[in-house]
């Protein structure tokens, strides 16, 4: 198992879609969290402090499993994102296991 960063960028002018889909997105992340798959998550913010993307850190067996997690996110299903980059990630500083 390894960590992956899901770096998601919203389509321009799609804040309302994000807000409308947020309850399903949060429920999805709650499910990943309950399984121990979700390690960290939160939105990127524009200069006005409004969300315009997401950073989600998940633990998965491989790139394909991380891609499946990303594709099943209700935000992705709704078509919110203009891009999703999935990169292997090494949590070096302040990882929960170190605390």
Protein backbone atom coordinates (compact mmCIF):
# COMPACT_ATOMS: atom_id res chain seq x y z
CA UNK A 1 0.00 0.00 0.00
CA UNK A 2 1.16 3.50 -0.73
CA UNK A 3 -0.12 7.05 -0.56
CA UNK A 4 -1.42 9.00 -3.53
CA UNK A 5 -2.23 12.69 -3.84
CA UNK A 6 -5.33 13.43 -5.91
CA UNK A 7 -4.88 17.00 -7.15
CA UNK A 8 -8.18 18.15 -8.59
CA UNK A 9 -8.91 21.45 -10.33
CA UNK A 10 -12.48 22.66 -10.74
CA UNK A 11 -13.81 23.87 -14.06
CA UNK A 12 -14.12 27.67 -14.12
CA UNK A 13 -17.46 29.05 -12.91
CA UNK A 14 -18.55 25.72 -11.38
CA UNK A 15 -18.81 26.80 -7.73
CA UNK A 16 -22.55 26.11 -7.65
CA UNK A 17 -21.99 22.55 -8.92
CA UNK A 18 -19.43 22.06 -6.14
CA UNK A 19 -21.85 23.36 -3.52
CA UNK A 20 -24.73 21.25 -4.85
CA UNK A 21 -22.62 18.08 -4.93
CA UNK A 22 -20.78 18.65 -1.65
CA UNK A 23 -23.06 16.51 0.59
CA UNK A 24 -22.50 13.45 -1.63
CA UNK A 25 -18.76 14.21 -1.83
CA UNK A 26 -18.49 14.48 1.96
CA UNK A 27 -20.43 11.23 2.41
CA UNK A 28 -18.04 9.52 -0.05
CA UNK A 29 -15.00 10.80 1.85
CA UNK A 30 -16.59 9.75 5.16
CA UNK A 31 -16.87 6.22 3.74
CA UNK A 32 -13.22 6.23 2.66
CA UNK A 33 -12.27 7.54 6.09
CA UNK A 34 -14.19 4.78 7.86
CA UNK A 35 -12.21 2.21 5.84
CA UNK A 36 -8.89 3.89 6.66
CA UNK A 37 -8.33 4.79 2.99
CA UNK A 38 -8.58 8.57 3.39
CA UNK A 39 -5.55 10.19 5.01
CA UNK A 40 -6.25 13.92 4.44
CA UNK A 41 -8.49 16.10 2.31
CA UNK A 42 -9.56 19.66 1.75
CA UNK A 43 -10.32 22.26 -0.89
CA UNK A 44 -7.97 24.60 -2.69
CA UNK A 45 -9.14 28.21 -2.43
CA UNK A 46 -9.23 31.06 -4.92
CA UNK A 47 -8.06 34.58 -3.97
CA UNK A 48 -11.56 35.31 -2.61
CA UNK A 49 -11.43 32.25 -0.32
CA UNK A 50 -13.91 30.24 -2.38
CA UNK A 51 -13.14 26.57 -3.11
CA UNK A 52 -11.86 25.87 -6.62
CA UNK A 53 -10.31 22.41 -6.38
CA UNK A 54 -9.44 19.59 -4.02
CA UNK A 55 -6.45 17.86 -2.52
CA UNK A 56 -7.25 14.33 -1.37
CA UNK A 57 -4.60 11.99 0.05
CA UNK A 58 -5.54 8.31 -0.08
CA UNK A 59 -3.84 5.02 0.61
CA UNK A 60 -4.19 2.55 -2.25
CA UNK A 61 -2.54 -0.60 -3.55
CA UNK A 62 -1.41 1.01 -6.80
CA UNK A 63 -2.02 3.77 -9.34
CA UNK A 64 -5.05 1.97 -10.78
CA UNK A 65 -6.72 1.69 -7.38
CA UNK A 66 -6.07 5.38 -6.71
CA UNK A 67 -7.58 6.24 -10.09
CA UNK A 68 -10.68 4.20 -9.26
CA UNK A 69 -11.08 6.10 -5.99
CA UNK A 70 -10.75 9.43 -7.82
CA UNK A 71 -13.23 8.45 -10.55
CA UNK A 72 -15.87 7.38 -8.01
CA UNK A 73 -15.82 10.73 -6.17
CA UNK A 74 -19.20 12.41 -6.67
CA UNK A 75 -17.43 15.60 -7.73
CA UNK A 76 -15.73 13.68 -10.55
CA UNK A 77 -18.95 11.88 -11.48
CA UNK A 78 -20.77 15.22 -11.68
CA UNK A 79 -18.12 16.60 -14.04
CA UNK A 80 -16.81 19.28 -11.66
CA UNK A 81 -13.12 18.85 -12.40
CA UNK A 82 -11.24 20.21 -15.40
CA UNK A 83 -8.27 18.05 -14.42
CA UNK A 84 -7.27 15.39 -11.91
CA UNK A 85 -3.61 14.58 -11.35
CA UNK A 86 -2.83 11.44 -9.35
CA UNK A 87 0.69 11.24 -7.99
CA UNK A 88 2.40 8.81 -5.59
CA UNK A 89 3.24 10.70 -2.41
CA UNK A 90 5.53 10.15 0.56
CA UNK A 91 4.35 11.72 3.84
CA UNK A 92 7.68 12.60 5.47
CA UNK A 93 6.93 15.30 8.05
CA UNK A 94 4.16 15.22 10.66
CA UNK A 95 2.63 11.98 9.45
CA UNK A 96 0.08 10.71 12.01
CA UNK A 97 2.17 7.57 12.61
CA UNK A 98 4.97 9.84 13.91
CA UNK A 99 2.81 11.62 16.49
